[in-house]
Amino acid sequence: MNIAEALEMPVVVDPRGFIQTHITENAYCPLPKGQLSLHFNTESAWCPSEDIWDYALKKWAPHSRYYYYAEEFGVAGVWTNDLEGKYFSWNYVIYAHLSEKIPAIIREALSQNFIAPALKDGYHEHCTYWKEAALRKALLTFLPHPEWSTADLFYVVDKDLSRCMQKLDSYLRFYRVQHLV
């Protein structure tokens, strides 16, 4: 609410876009033509909190724009407004807990060729970020159906293989990044 109050927003639709970390000098990165990029993490619930940031740019930096990537694995999904993939270049996210019971072929396939470092949270769950071609290659190692579209491979793994994972004390959740305008 401090940001909304500082902005003197007439109506706060969603005040949940609060900043998780301190913004320091290291949060700025140089861009071409002497411009700067500011990077920070925010937290909201259920979906991206755009209204507060739209208003902040309108009031404080109307010449600027912002790009975000948001994830909510429990219920909703993953989103970005970076349509060109300039800052967030992945198309898919795998959210998983892989126990030692997982067959080696699956573990190896899902442990290679993702584009961003695997993140591990306090619940021993892993997130990996994938471009479509790399994910397709990984899925084909344990679903050898090259005639299937990536969407079909994705569907089978997400629905059928995920159901089998419960018996292996594991789970896999696949998310296709949704592009919002």
N, C-alpha and C. Protein backbone atom coordinates (compact mmCIF):
# COMPACT_ATOMS: atom_id res chain seq x y z
N MET A 1 0.81 -1.20 0.00
CA MET A 1 0.00 0.00 0.00
C MET A 1 0.86 1.26 0.00
N ASN A 2 2.14 1.15 0.45
CA ASN A 2 2.99 2.34 0.48
C ASN A 2 3.19 2.91 -0.92
N ILE A 3 3.37 2.04 -1.90
CA ILE A 3 3.55 2.51 -3.28
C ILE A 3 2.27 3.17 -3.76
N ALA A 4 1.13 2.53 -3.51
CA ALA A 4 -0.15 3.10 -3.93
C ALA A 4 -0.38 4.46 -3.27
N GLU A 5 -0.01 4.59 -2.00
CA GLU A 5 -0.18 5.87 -1.31
C GLU A 5 0.77 6.92 -1.89
N ALA A 6 2.01 6.52 -2.17
CA ALA A 6 2.97 7.47 -2.75
C ALA A 6 2.53 7.93 -4.14
N LEU A 7 1.86 7.04 -4.86
CA LEU A 7 1.35 7.39 -6.18
C LEU A 7 0.10 8.26 -6.10
N GLU A 8 -0.52 8.28 -4.92
CA GLU A 8 -1.81 8.95 -4.74
C GLU A 8 -2.83 8.40 -5.74
N MET A 9 -2.86 7.07 -5.82
CA MET A 9 -3.80 6.41 -6.72
C MET A 9 -5.22 6.66 -6.26
N PRO A 10 -6.11 7.07 -7.15
CA PRO A 10 -7.49 7.31 -6.76
C PRO A 10 -8.23 6.03 -6.38
N VAL A 11 -7.94 4.94 -7.07
CA VAL A 11 -8.58 3.65 -6.78
C VAL A 11 -7.50 2.58 -6.88
N VAL A 12 -7.41 1.77 -5.86
CA VAL A 12 -6.45 0.67 -5.89
C VAL A 12 -7.24 -0.61 -6.10
N VAL A 13 -7.11 -1.15 -7.31
CA VAL A 13 -7.83 -2.37 -7.63
C VAL A 13 -7.15 -3.56 -6.98
N ASP A 14 -5.82 -3.61 -7.09
CA ASP A 14 -5.07 -4.73 -6.56
C ASP A 14 -3.77 -4.22 -5.95
N PRO A 15 -3.70 -4.05 -4.63
CA PRO A 15 -2.50 -3.49 -4.00
C PRO A 15 -1.44 -4.54 -3.71
N ARG A 16 -1.59 -5.76 -4.22
CA ARG A 16 -0.72 -6.85 -3.81
C ARG A 16 0.63 -6.89 -4.52
N GLY A 17 0.95 -5.96 -5.38
CA GLY A 17 2.20 -6.02 -6.12
C GLY A 17 3.38 -5.48 -5.35
N PHE A 18 3.58 -5.94 -4.12
CA PHE A 18 4.64 -5.35 -3.32
C PHE A 18 6.01 -5.92 -3.68
N ILE A 19 7.02 -5.12 -3.44
CA ILE A 19 8.39 -5.47 -3.80
C ILE A 19 8.96 -6.40 -2.74
N GLN A 20 9.55 -7.52 -3.19
CA GLN A 20 10.09 -8.51 -2.26
C GLN A 20 11.50 -8.20 -1.80
N THR A 21 12.27 -7.50 -2.61
CA THR A 21 13.66 -7.27 -2.29
C THR A 21 13.95 -5.78 -2.27
N HIS A 22 15.08 -5.42 -1.75
CA HIS A 22 15.50 -4.02 -1.77
C HIS A 22 15.99 -3.67 -3.17
N ILE A 23 15.66 -2.49 -3.62
CA ILE A 23 16.18 -2.02 -4.90
C ILE A 23 17.48 -1.29 -4.62
N THR A 24 18.58 -1.83 -5.14
CA THR A 24 19.90 -1.25 -4.92
C THR A 24 20.49 -0.81 -6.26
N GLU A 25 21.68 -0.24 -6.21
CA GLU A 25 22.35 0.16 -7.44
C GLU A 25 22.59 -1.03 -8.36
N ASN A 26 22.77 -2.22 -7.80
CA ASN A 26 23.01 -3.43 -8.59
C ASN A 26 21.76 -3.87 -9.36
N ALA A 27 20.62 -3.31 -9.05
CA ALA A 27 19.38 -3.67 -9.74
C ALA A 27 19.27 -3.00 -11.10
N TYR A 28 20.16 -2.06 -11.38
CA TYR A 28 20.14 -1.35 -12.66
C TYR A 28 21.13 -1.99 -13.61
N CYS A 29 20.70 -2.19 -14.86
CA CYS A 29 21.57 -2.74 -15.90
C CYS A 29 21.57 -1.78 -17.08
N PRO A 30 22.74 -1.54 -17.69
CA PRO A 30 22.78 -0.62 -18.82
C PRO A 30 22.13 -1.22 -20.06
N LEU A 31 21.46 -0.39 -20.81
CA LEU A 31 20.85 -0.74 -22.09
C LEU A 31 21.52 0.12 -23.17
N PRO A 32 21.29 -0.20 -24.43
CA PRO A 32 21.87 0.64 -25.49
C PRO A 32 21.38 2.09 -25.37
N LYS A 33 22.14 2.97 -25.95
CA LYS A 33 21.80 4.40 -26.01
C LYS A 33 21.73 5.05 -24.63
N GLY A 34 22.51 4.55 -23.68
CA GLY A 34 22.57 5.17 -22.36
C GLY A 34 21.36 4.94 -21.47
N GLN A 35 20.45 4.08 -21.86
CA GLN A 35 19.27 3.80 -21.05
C GLN A 35 19.60 2.79 -19.96
N LEU A 36 18.73 2.68 -18.99
CA LEU A 36 18.91 1.72 -17.91
C LEU A 36 17.70 0.81 -17.80
N SER A 37 17.96 -0.38 -17.32
CA SER A 37 16.91 -1.34 -17.00
C SER A 37 16.96 -1.57 -15.50
N LEU A 38 15.81 -1.56 -14.86
CA LEU A 38 15.71 -1.80 -13.43
C LEU A 38 15.05 -3.15 -13.23
N HIS A 39 15.66 -4.03 -12.45
CA HIS A 39 15.15 -5.37 -12.21
C HIS A 39 14.83 -5.54 -10.73
N PHE A 40 13.61 -5.98 -10.43
CA PHE A 40 13.24 -6.29 -9.06
C PHE A 40 12.12 -7.31 -9.07
N ASN A 41 11.94 -7.97 -7.93
CA ASN A 41 10.89 -8.98 -7.78
C ASN A 41 9.76 -8.41 -6.95
N THR A 42 8.55 -8.77 -7.35
CA THR A 42 7.38 -8.38 -6.58
C THR A 42 6.60 -9.64 -6.23
N GLU A 43 5.66 -9.49 -5.35
CA GLU A 43 4.81 -10.62 -4.98
C GLU A 43 3.36 -10.17 -4.99
N SER A 44 2.54 -10.98 -5.61
CA SER A 44 1.09 -10.75 -5.59
C SER A 44 0.45 -12.12 -5.42
N ALA A 45 -0.84 -12.18 -5.44
CA ALA A 45 -1.53 -13.45 -5.27
C ALA A 45 -2.34 -13.78 -6.51
N TRP A 46 -2.27 -15.02 -6.92
CA TRP A 46 -3.07 -15.61 -7.97
C TRP A 46 -2.70 -15.21 -9.40
N CYS A 47 -2.34 -13.98 -9.64
CA CYS A 47 -2.05 -13.53 -11.01
C CYS A 47 -1.19 -12.27 -10.95
N PRO A 48 -0.64 -11.85 -12.08
CA PRO A 48 0.16 -10.62 -12.07
C PRO A 48 -0.64 -9.42 -11.58
N SER A 49 0.02 -8.58 -10.84
CA SER A 49 -0.61 -7.36 -10.33
C SER A 49 -0.13 -6.20 -11.20
N GLU A 50 -0.87 -5.93 -12.25
CA GLU A 50 -0.43 -4.94 -13.23
C GLU A 50 -0.89 -3.52 -12.93
N ASP A 51 -2.03 -3.35 -12.29
CA ASP A 51 -2.60 -2.00 -12.19
C ASP A 51 -1.70 -1.02 -11.45
N ILE A 52 -1.03 -1.47 -10.39
CA ILE A 52 -0.19 -0.55 -9.64
C ILE A 52 1.03 -0.13 -10.47
N TRP A 53 1.59 -1.06 -11.26
CA TRP A 53 2.77 -0.74 -12.07
C TRP A 53 2.39 0.08 -13.29
N ASP A 54 1.22 -0.18 -13.85
CA ASP A 54 0.74 0.66 -14.96
C ASP A 54 0.60 2.11 -14.49
N TYR A 55 0.03 2.28 -13.31
CA TYR A 55 -0.18 3.62 -12.78
C TYR A 55 1.15 4.29 -12.42
N ALA A 56 2.09 3.50 -11.84
CA ALA A 56 3.40 4.06 -11.48
C ALA A 56 4.13 4.58 -12.71
N LEU A 57 4.13 3.82 -13.80
CA LEU A 57 4.80 4.29 -15.01
C LEU A 57 4.09 5.51 -15.60
N LYS A 58 2.79 5.48 -15.59
CA LYS A 58 2.03 6.61 -16.14
C LYS A 58 2.38 7.90 -15.39
N LYS A 59 2.52 7.79 -14.07
CA LYS A 59 2.77 8.98 -13.27
C LYS A 59 4.25 9.36 -13.21
N TRP A 60 5.14 8.40 -13.00
CA TRP A 60 6.54 8.70 -12.73
C TRP A 60 7.45 8.55 -13.94
N ALA A 61 7.10 7.70 -14.88
CA ALA A 61 8.01 7.44 -16.01
C ALA A 61 7.22 7.12 -17.27
N PRO A 62 6.47 8.08 -17.79
CA PRO A 62 5.59 7.79 -18.93
C PRO A 62 6.34 7.38 -20.20
N HIS A 63 7.61 7.65 -20.27
CA HIS A 63 8.42 7.26 -21.42
C HIS A 63 8.93 5.82 -21.30
N SER A 64 8.66 5.16 -20.18
CA SER A 64 9.18 3.82 -19.91
C SER A 64 8.12 2.75 -20.13
N ARG A 65 8.57 1.54 -20.12
CA ARG A 65 7.67 0.39 -20.15
C ARG A 65 8.26 -0.69 -19.27
N TYR A 66 7.45 -1.65 -18.91
CA TYR A 66 7.95 -2.72 -18.07
C TYR A 66 7.57 -4.07 -18.65
N TYR A 67 8.41 -5.05 -18.36
CA TYR A 67 8.15 -6.43 -18.76
C TYR A 67 8.15 -7.26 -17.50
N TYR A 68 7.26 -8.22 -17.45
CA TYR A 68 7.20 -9.08 -16.28
C TYR A 68 7.04 -10.53 -16.69
N TYR A 69 7.41 -11.37 -15.78
CA TYR A 69 7.14 -12.79 -15.85
C TYR A 69 6.53 -13.12 -14.50
N ALA A 70 5.40 -13.83 -14.49
CA ALA A 70 4.72 -14.17 -13.25
C ALA A 70 4.38 -15.65 -13.24
N GLU A 71 4.46 -16.23 -12.07
CA GLU A 71 4.10 -17.65 -11.95
C GLU A 71 3.29 -17.87 -10.68
N GLU A 72 2.31 -18.76 -10.79
CA GLU A 72 1.47 -19.17 -9.67
C GLU A 72 1.17 -20.64 -9.91
N PHE A 73 2.02 -21.50 -9.36
CA PHE A 73 1.95 -22.92 -9.68
C PHE A 73 0.80 -23.65 -9.02
N GLY A 74 0.32 -23.17 -7.90
CA GLY A 74 -0.72 -23.89 -7.18
C GLY A 74 -2.05 -23.95 -7.90
N VAL A 75 -2.44 -22.87 -8.56
CA VAL A 75 -3.77 -22.81 -9.13
C VAL A 75 -3.78 -22.34 -10.58
N ALA A 76 -3.07 -21.26 -10.85
CA ALA A 76 -3.35 -20.53 -12.07
C ALA A 76 -2.44 -20.80 -13.27
N GLY A 77 -1.16 -20.56 -13.18
CA GLY A 77 -0.29 -20.75 -14.32
C GLY A 77 0.87 -19.78 -14.35
N VAL A 78 1.39 -19.53 -15.57
CA VAL A 78 2.51 -18.62 -15.76
C VAL A 78 2.21 -17.66 -16.89
N TRP A 79 2.69 -16.41 -16.75
CA TRP A 79 2.38 -15.37 -17.72
C TRP A 79 3.58 -14.48 -17.96
N THR A 80 3.59 -13.82 -19.09
CA THR A 80 4.53 -12.74 -19.36
C THR A 80 3.88 -11.76 -20.32
N ASN A 81 4.33 -10.53 -20.28
CA ASN A 81 3.92 -9.56 -21.29
C ASN A 81 5.07 -9.31 -22.27
N ASP A 82 6.13 -10.09 -22.15
CA ASP A 82 7.30 -10.00 -23.02
C ASP A 82 7.05 -10.86 -24.26
N LEU A 83 6.27 -10.33 -25.19
CA LEU A 83 5.84 -11.10 -26.36
C LEU A 83 7.00 -11.54 -27.25
N GLU A 84 8.07 -10.76 -27.29
CA GLU A 84 9.21 -11.08 -28.15
C GLU A 84 10.24 -11.97 -27.44
N GLY A 85 10.08 -12.22 -26.17
CA GLY A 85 11.02 -13.05 -25.43
C GLY A 85 12.37 -12.39 -25.21
N LYS A 86 12.38 -11.08 -25.15
CA LYS A 86 13.64 -10.35 -24.98
C LYS A 86 14.22 -10.56 -23.58
N TYR A 87 13.39 -10.54 -22.58
CA TYR A 87 13.85 -10.67 -21.20
C TYR A 87 13.50 -12.02 -20.58
N PHE A 88 12.41 -12.61 -21.02
CA PHE A 88 11.95 -13.90 -20.51
C PHE A 88 11.72 -14.80 -21.72
N SER A 89 12.73 -15.53 -22.11
CA SER A 89 12.72 -16.20 -23.41
C SER A 89 12.14 -17.61 -23.40
N TRP A 90 11.78 -18.13 -22.26
CA TRP A 90 11.28 -19.50 -22.23
C TRP A 90 9.80 -19.57 -22.60
N ASN A 91 9.40 -20.75 -23.09
CA ASN A 91 8.01 -21.01 -23.49
C ASN A 91 7.28 -21.91 -22.50
N TYR A 92 8.04 -22.71 -21.77
CA TYR A 92 7.45 -23.68 -20.86
C TYR A 92 8.19 -23.65 -19.53
N VAL A 93 7.48 -24.05 -18.48
CA VAL A 93 8.07 -24.19 -17.16
C VAL A 93 7.66 -25.57 -16.64
N ILE A 94 8.62 -26.26 -16.06
CA ILE A 94 8.32 -27.53 -15.39
C ILE A 94 8.52 -27.31 -13.91
N TYR A 95 7.49 -27.59 -13.16
CA TYR A 95 7.51 -27.49 -11.70
C TYR A 95 7.41 -28.93 -11.21
N ALA A 96 8.42 -29.38 -10.46
CA ALA A 96 8.47 -30.80 -10.16
C ALA A 96 9.06 -31.10 -8.80
N HIS A 97 8.68 -32.25 -8.31
CA HIS A 97 9.37 -32.89 -7.20
C HIS A 97 9.68 -34.29 -7.71
N LEU A 98 10.97 -34.58 -7.88
CA LEU A 98 11.37 -35.87 -8.43
C LEU A 98 12.06 -36.68 -7.33
N SER A 99 11.41 -37.76 -6.92
CA SER A 99 11.99 -38.62 -5.88
C SER A 99 13.04 -39.52 -6.51
N GLU A 100 13.70 -40.27 -5.67
CA GLU A 100 14.71 -41.22 -6.15
C GLU A 100 14.08 -42.38 -6.92
N LYS A 101 12.76 -42.54 -6.84
CA LYS A 101 12.06 -43.62 -7.54
C LYS A 101 11.85 -43.34 -9.03
N ILE A 102 12.09 -42.12 -9.46
CA ILE A 102 11.88 -41.75 -10.86
C ILE A 102 12.85 -42.52 -11.74
N PRO A 103 12.38 -43.10 -12.84
CA PRO A 103 13.31 -43.78 -13.77
C PRO A 103 14.38 -42.82 -14.27
N ALA A 104 15.58 -43.34 -14.43
CA ALA A 104 16.73 -42.53 -14.83
C ALA A 104 16.49 -41.80 -16.15
N ILE A 105 15.81 -42.43 -17.10
CA ILE A 105 15.60 -41.80 -18.41
C ILE A 105 14.79 -40.50 -18.27
N ILE A 106 13.82 -40.50 -17.37
CA ILE A 106 13.00 -39.30 -17.15
C ILE A 106 13.83 -38.24 -16.42
N ARG A 107 14.53 -38.65 -15.37
CA ARG A 107 15.35 -37.71 -14.59
C ARG A 107 16.39 -37.05 -15.48
N GLU A 108 17.08 -37.84 -16.30
CA GLU A 108 18.12 -37.29 -17.18
C GLU A 108 17.52 -36.34 -18.22
N ALA A 109 16.42 -36.73 -18.81
CA ALA A 109 15.80 -35.89 -19.84
C ALA A 109 15.38 -34.54 -19.29
N LEU A 110 14.89 -34.52 -18.06
CA LEU A 110 14.39 -33.29 -17.46
C LEU A 110 15.49 -32.51 -16.73
N SER A 111 16.70 -33.01 -16.75
CA SER A 111 17.81 -32.35 -16.07
C SER A 111 18.81 -31.73 -17.04
N GLN A 112 18.46 -31.67 -18.32
CA GLN A 112 19.38 -31.14 -19.32
C GLN A 112 18.64 -30.20 -20.26
N ASN A 113 19.37 -29.25 -20.79
CA ASN A 113 18.91 -28.38 -21.88
C ASN A 113 17.86 -27.34 -21.52
N PHE A 114 17.58 -27.12 -20.26
CA PHE A 114 16.71 -26.00 -19.94
C PHE A 114 17.54 -24.74 -19.96
N ILE A 115 16.89 -23.58 -20.13
CA ILE A 115 17.65 -22.37 -20.42
C ILE A 115 17.98 -21.51 -19.22
N ALA A 116 17.29 -21.69 -18.14
CA ALA A 116 17.59 -20.90 -16.95
C ALA A 116 17.95 -21.87 -15.83
N PRO A 117 18.72 -21.43 -14.86
CA PRO A 117 19.11 -22.34 -13.78
C PRO A 117 17.89 -22.91 -13.07
N ALA A 118 18.01 -24.16 -12.69
CA ALA A 118 16.94 -24.78 -11.91
C ALA A 118 16.84 -24.06 -10.58
N LEU A 119 15.65 -23.73 -10.18
CA LEU A 119 15.42 -23.08 -8.89
C LEU A 119 14.85 -24.11 -7.94
N LYS A 120 15.32 -24.09 -6.73
CA LYS A 120 14.82 -25.03 -5.73
C LYS A 120 14.28 -24.21 -4.58
N ASP A 121 13.04 -24.50 -4.19
CA ASP A 121 12.46 -23.74 -3.09
C ASP A 121 12.53 -24.55 -1.80
N GLY A 122 11.96 -24.03 -0.76
CA GLY A 122 12.01 -24.65 0.55
C GLY A 122 11.25 -25.95 0.66
N TYR A 123 10.48 -26.29 -0.33
CA TYR A 123 9.71 -27.53 -0.30
C TYR A 123 10.37 -28.61 -1.14
N HIS A 124 11.62 -28.43 -1.55
CA HIS A 124 12.36 -29.38 -2.38
C HIS A 124 11.72 -29.57 -3.74
N GLU A 125 11.12 -28.53 -4.23
CA GLU A 125 10.52 -28.56 -5.55
C GLU A 125 11.43 -27.80 -6.49
N HIS A 126 11.43 -28.21 -7.75
CA HIS A 126 12.33 -27.63 -8.73
C HIS A 126 11.53 -26.97 -9.85
N CYS A 127 12.03 -25.85 -10.32
CA CYS A 127 11.47 -25.19 -11.50
C CYS A 127 12.56 -25.14 -12.55
N THR A 128 12.22 -25.54 -13.76
CA THR A 128 13.14 -25.38 -14.87
C THR A 128 12.39 -24.68 -15.99
N TYR A 129 13.12 -23.89 -16.77
CA TYR A 129 12.55 -23.01 -17.78
C TYR A 129 13.07 -23.44 -19.14
N TRP A 130 12.16 -23.66 -20.10
CA TRP A 130 12.49 -24.33 -21.35
C TRP A 130 12.03 -23.57 -22.58
N LYS A 131 12.83 -23.63 -23.62
CA LYS A 131 12.37 -23.25 -24.95
C LYS A 131 11.68 -24.48 -25.53
N GLU A 132 10.76 -24.27 -26.45
CA GLU A 132 9.94 -25.36 -26.96
C GLU A 132 10.76 -26.49 -27.59
N ALA A 133 11.76 -26.17 -28.40
CA ALA A 133 12.55 -27.20 -29.08
C ALA A 133 13.28 -28.10 -28.09
N ALA A 134 13.84 -27.51 -27.04
CA ALA A 134 14.56 -28.30 -26.04
C ALA A 134 13.61 -29.19 -25.24
N LEU A 135 12.44 -28.66 -24.92
CA LEU A 135 11.46 -29.47 -24.19
C LEU A 135 10.97 -30.62 -25.06
N ARG A 136 10.72 -30.34 -26.33
CA ARG A 136 10.29 -31.40 -27.26
C ARG A 136 11.33 -32.52 -27.31
N LYS A 137 12.59 -32.15 -27.41
CA LYS A 137 13.67 -33.14 -27.46
C LYS A 137 13.68 -33.98 -26.18
N ALA A 138 13.51 -33.33 -25.04
CA ALA A 138 13.49 -34.05 -23.76
C ALA A 138 12.30 -35.01 -23.69
N LEU A 139 11.13 -34.55 -24.11
CA LEU A 139 9.94 -35.40 -24.06
C LEU A 139 10.04 -36.59 -25.01
N LEU A 140 10.67 -36.38 -26.13
CA LEU A 140 10.83 -37.48 -27.10
C LEU A 140 11.73 -38.59 -26.60
N THR A 141 12.57 -38.31 -25.61
CA THR A 141 13.43 -39.37 -25.09
C THR A 141 12.65 -40.44 -24.35
N PHE A 142 11.53 -40.10 -23.75
CA PHE A 142 10.73 -41.12 -23.08
C PHE A 142 9.33 -41.28 -23.66
N LEU A 143 9.00 -40.50 -24.64
CA LEU A 143 7.77 -40.68 -25.43
C LEU A 143 8.20 -40.64 -26.91
N PRO A 144 8.72 -41.72 -27.43
CA PRO A 144 9.31 -41.69 -28.78
C PRO A 144 8.25 -41.67 -29.89
N HIS A 145 7.60 -40.53 -30.03
CA HIS A 145 6.58 -40.35 -31.07
C HIS A 145 6.87 -39.05 -31.81
N PRO A 146 7.88 -39.05 -32.68
CA PRO A 146 8.24 -37.80 -33.38
C PRO A 146 7.13 -37.27 -34.29
N GLU A 147 6.19 -38.12 -34.65
CA GLU A 147 5.08 -37.67 -35.48
C GLU A 147 4.07 -36.83 -34.70
N TRP A 148 4.13 -36.87 -33.38
CA TRP A 148 3.23 -36.09 -32.55
C TRP A 148 3.69 -34.64 -32.52
N SER A 149 2.74 -33.74 -32.43
CA SER A 149 3.08 -32.33 -32.27
C SER A 149 3.62 -32.11 -30.86
N THR A 150 4.30 -31.02 -30.65
CA THR A 150 4.77 -30.68 -29.31
C THR A 150 3.60 -30.55 -28.35
N ALA A 151 2.50 -29.98 -28.83
CA ALA A 151 1.31 -29.84 -27.99
C ALA A 151 0.79 -31.20 -27.54
N ASP A 152 0.80 -32.19 -28.43
CA ASP A 152 0.34 -33.53 -28.07
C ASP A 152 1.29 -34.19 -27.07
N LEU A 153 2.59 -34.06 -27.30
CA LEU A 153 3.57 -34.61 -26.35
C LEU A 153 3.37 -33.97 -24.98
N PHE A 154 3.24 -32.68 -24.99
CA PHE A 154 3.04 -31.91 -23.76
C PHE A 154 1.79 -32.39 -23.04
N TYR A 155 0.70 -32.58 -23.77
CA TYR A 155 -0.56 -33.02 -23.19
C TYR A 155 -0.42 -34.40 -22.54
N VAL A 156 0.18 -35.34 -23.25
CA VAL A 156 0.31 -36.70 -22.74
C VAL A 156 1.16 -36.71 -21.47
N VAL A 157 2.27 -36.00 -21.50
CA VAL A 157 3.13 -35.97 -20.31
C VAL A 157 2.42 -35.27 -19.16
N ASP A 158 1.82 -34.14 -19.44
CA ASP A 158 1.16 -33.38 -18.38
C ASP A 158 0.02 -34.16 -17.75
N LYS A 159 -0.78 -34.82 -18.56
CA LYS A 159 -1.96 -35.52 -18.03
C LYS A 159 -1.66 -36.95 -17.60
N ASP A 160 -1.09 -37.75 -18.50
CA ASP A 160 -0.93 -39.17 -18.21
C ASP A 160 0.28 -39.49 -17.35
N LEU A 161 1.44 -38.96 -17.72
CA LEU A 161 2.63 -39.25 -16.94
C LEU A 161 2.53 -38.63 -15.55
N SER A 162 1.98 -37.46 -15.46
CA SER A 162 1.84 -36.82 -14.15
C SER A 162 1.00 -37.67 -13.20
N ARG A 163 -0.01 -38.33 -13.74
CA ARG A 163 -0.86 -39.18 -12.92
C ARG A 163 -0.07 -40.37 -12.37
N CYS A 164 0.83 -40.92 -13.17
CA CYS A 164 1.66 -42.05 -12.74
C CYS A 164 2.69 -41.65 -11.70
N MET A 165 3.07 -40.40 -11.68
CA MET A 165 4.11 -39.92 -10.78
C MET A 165 3.74 -40.08 -9.31
N GLN A 166 2.44 -40.07 -8.99
CA GLN A 166 2.02 -40.20 -7.61
C GLN A 166 2.53 -41.50 -7.00
N LYS A 167 2.56 -42.56 -7.79
CA LYS A 167 3.05 -43.86 -7.30
C LYS A 167 4.55 -43.83 -7.05
N LEU A 168 5.23 -42.84 -7.64
CA LEU A 168 6.68 -42.72 -7.49
C LEU A 168 7.05 -41.62 -6.49
N ASP A 169 6.08 -41.20 -5.66
CA ASP A 169 6.29 -40.12 -4.69
C ASP A 169 6.85 -38.86 -5.35
N SER A 170 6.36 -38.56 -6.54
CA SER A 170 6.85 -37.43 -7.32
C SER A 170 5.68 -36.76 -8.01
N TYR A 171 5.97 -35.61 -8.58
CA TYR A 171 4.99 -35.00 -9.46
C TYR A 171 5.70 -34.11 -10.46
N LEU A 172 5.05 -33.92 -11.58
CA LEU A 172 5.49 -33.02 -12.64
C LEU A 172 4.30 -32.17 -13.02
N ARG A 173 4.52 -30.88 -13.09
CA ARG A 173 3.48 -29.98 -13.60
C ARG A 173 4.13 -29.18 -14.72
N PHE A 174 3.50 -29.22 -15.86
CA PHE A 174 3.99 -28.50 -17.03
C PHE A 174 3.11 -27.28 -17.25
N TYR A 175 3.74 -26.16 -17.52
CA TYR A 175 3.01 -24.93 -17.79
C TYR A 175 3.51 -24.32 -19.08
N ARG A 176 2.60 -23.97 -19.94
CA ARG A 176 2.94 -23.20 -21.13
C ARG A 176 2.81 -21.74 -20.75
N VAL A 177 3.82 -20.94 -21.04
CA VAL A 177 3.79 -19.53 -20.70
C VAL A 177 2.71 -18.85 -21.53
N GLN A 178 1.80 -18.17 -20.86
CA GLN A 178 0.75 -17.43 -21.53
C GLN A 178 1.24 -16.00 -21.75
N HIS A 179 1.05 -15.52 -22.97
CA HIS A 179 1.47 -14.15 -23.30
C HIS A 179 0.28 -13.21 -23.17
N LEU A 180 0.44 -12.23 -22.32
CA LEU A 180 -0.61 -11.23 -22.10
C LEU A 180 -0.19 -9.92 -22.73
N VAL A 181 -1.12 -9.25 -23.32
CA VAL A 181 -0.83 -7.97 -23.95
C VAL A 181 -1.12 -6.84 -22.99
